[in-house]
C-alpha atoms as a PDB file:
ATOM      1  CA  MET A   1     158.833 152.468 146.683  1.00  0.00           C
ATOM      2  CA  GLN A   2     161.269 151.554 143.876  1.00  0.00           C
ATOM      3  CA  ILE A   3     164.970 152.745 143.714  1.00  0.00           C
ATOM      4  CA  GLU A   4     167.133 151.983 140.537  1.00  0.00           C
ATOM      5  CA  LEU A   5     170.729 151.141 141.374  1.00  0.00           C
ATOM      6  CA  LEU A   6     173.218 151.447 138.872  1.00  0.00           C
ATOM      7  CA  PHE A   7     177.054 149.965 139.085  1.00  0.00           C
ATOM      8  CA  PHE A   8     179.859 150.930 136.857  1.00  0.00           C
ATOM      9  CA  GLY A   9     183.342 149.776 136.124  1.00  0.00           C
ATOM     10  CA  SER A  10     184.822 147.453 138.594  1.00  0.00           C
ATOM     11  CA  LEU A  11     182.084 147.715 140.584  1.00  0.00           C
ATOM     12  CA  THR A  12     180.096 145.659 138.377  1.00  0.00           C
ATOM     13  CA  ASP A  13     182.648 142.883 139.013  1.00  0.00           C
ATOM     14  CA  VAL A  14     181.800 143.087 142.759  1.00  0.00           C
ATOM     15  CA  THR A  15     178.076 143.171 142.323  1.00  0.00           C
ATOM     16  CA  THR A  16     177.879 141.026 139.096  1.00  0.00           C
ATOM     17  CA  VAL A  17     175.014 143.118 137.956  1.00  0.00           C
ATOM     18  CA  SER A  18     175.311 146.684 136.135  1.00  0.00           C
ATOM     19  CA  ARG A  19     171.463 147.365 137.130  1.00  0.00           C
ATOM     20  CA  LEU A  20     169.304 146.489 140.149  1.00  0.00           C
ATOM     21  CA  ILE A  21     165.855 147.531 141.407  1.00  0.00           C
ATOM     22  CA  VAL A  22     165.246 147.753 145.232  1.00  0.00           C
ATOM     23  CA  GLU A  23     162.005 148.483 147.405  1.00  0.00           C
ATOM     24  CA  ASN A  24     161.458 150.213 150.668  1.00  0.00           C
ATOM     25  CA  MET A  25     164.959 152.177 150.745  1.00  0.00           C
ATOM     26  CA  THR A  26     164.094 155.747 152.013  1.00  0.00           C
ATOM     27  CA  ASP A  27     167.969 157.215 151.855  1.00  0.00           C
ATOM     28  CA  THR A  28     171.365 156.357 150.830  1.00  0.00           C
ATOM     29  CA  GLU A  29     172.734 155.211 153.980  1.00  0.00           C
ATOM     30  CA  LEU A  30     170.240 152.346 154.123  1.00  0.00           C
ATOM     31  CA  VAL A  31     170.928 151.527 150.415  1.00  0.00           C
ATOM     32  CA  LYS A  32     174.723 151.184 151.184  1.00  0.00           C
ATOM     33  CA  ALA A  33     174.024 148.976 154.288  1.00  0.00           C
ATOM     34  CA  TYR A  34     171.929 146.650 152.116  1.00  0.00           C
ATOM     35  CA  LEU A  35     174.278 146.317 149.401  1.00  0.00           C
ATOM     36  CA  GLU A  36     177.361 145.765 151.884  1.00  0.00           C
ATOM     37  CA  GLU A  37     175.588 142.862 153.346  1.00  0.00           C
ATOM     38  CA  ARG A  38     174.340 141.417 149.832  1.00  0.00           C
ATOM     39  CA  TYR A  39     177.765 141.928 148.599  1.00  0.00           C
ATOM     40  CA  PRO A  40     180.295 141.739 151.391  1.00  0.00           C
ATOM     41  CA  ALA A  41     183.419 142.554 148.923  1.00  0.00           C
ATOM     42  CA  LEU A  42     181.723 146.289 148.427  1.00  0.00           C
ATOM     43  CA  ARG A  43     182.706 147.098 152.153  1.00  0.00           C
ATOM     44  CA  ALA A  44     186.637 147.226 150.843  1.00  0.00           C
ATOM     45  CA  ALA A  45     185.607 148.912 147.348  1.00  0.00           C
ATOM     46  CA  LYS A  46     186.206 152.637 146.942  1.00  0.00           C
ATOM     47  CA  TYR A  47     183.357 154.377 145.277  1.00  0.00           C
ATOM     48  CA  PHE A  48     181.512 157.681 144.718  1.00  0.00           C
ATOM     49  CA  MET A  49     177.508 157.814 144.851  1.00  0.00           C
ATOM     50  CA  ALA A  50     175.370 159.945 142.393  1.00  0.00           C
ATOM     51  CA  VAL A  51     171.487 160.308 143.159  1.00  0.00           C
ATOM     52  CA  ASN A  52     169.683 161.060 139.737  1.00  0.00           C
ATOM     53  CA  GLN A  53     173.128 162.291 138.085  1.00  0.00           C
ATOM     54  CA  GLN A  54     174.264 164.691 141.098  1.00  0.00           C
ATOM     55  CA  MET A  55     177.185 163.475 143.062  1.00  0.00           C
ATOM     56  CA  ILE A  56     176.546 163.279 146.951  1.00  0.00           C
ATOM     57  CA  GLN A  57     179.083 163.003 149.612  1.00  0.00           C
ATOM     58  CA  GLN A  58     176.656 162.644 152.528  1.00  0.00           C
ATOM     59  CA  VAL A  59     173.379 160.939 153.251  1.00  0.00           C
ATOM     60  CA  HIS A  60     170.653 161.494 150.951  1.00  0.00           C
ATOM     61  CA  THR A  61     166.887 161.063 151.151  1.00  0.00           C
ATOM     62  CA  LEU A  62     165.449 159.187 148.161  1.00  0.00           C
ATOM     63  CA  GLN A  63     162.076 159.318 146.363  1.00  0.00           C
ATOM     64  CA  PRO A  64     160.213 156.904 144.603  1.00  0.00           C
ATOM     65  CA  GLY A  65     161.871 156.555 141.101  1.00  0.00           C
ATOM     66  CA  ASP A  66     165.454 157.742 142.072  1.00  0.00           C
ATOM     67  CA  VAL A  67     168.476 156.602 140.372  1.00  0.00           C
ATOM     68  CA  VAL A  68     171.306 155.749 142.402  1.00  0.00           C
ATOM     69  CA  ALA A  69     174.585 155.332 140.917  1.00  0.00           C
ATOM     70  CA  PHE A  70     177.692 153.624 142.201  1.00  0.00           C
ATOM     71  CA  MET A  71     180.847 154.514 140.351  1.00  0.00           C
ATOM     72  CA  PRO A  72     184.844 153.713 141.258  1.00  0.00           C
ATOM     73  CA  PRO A  73     187.056 156.419 141.469  1.00  0.00           C
ATOM     74  CA  PHE A  74     188.001 157.876 138.385  1.00  0.00           C
ATOM     75  CA  SER A  75     190.370 160.550 136.816  1.00  0.00           C
ATOM     76  CA  GLY A  76     190.641 162.554 133.631  1.00  0.00           C
ATOM     77  CA  GLY A  77     192.559 164.765 131.657  1.00  0.00           C
END
């Protein structure tokens, strides 16, 4: 099961990539743990997560082909 991960803004500095494909991730908590292990600086970063362009605030079950986006805090006006 492939999941696409997208990184925006300052998070691309932390991960050094803007896009990543991962396998066998069944929920967003597993994705987060995997990324924090691979990129330890991500533990200190503040970010929002979205699955298929929908912001999430709790663990979300993933399906094959889902896209998980990681975005730094933002403000608008």
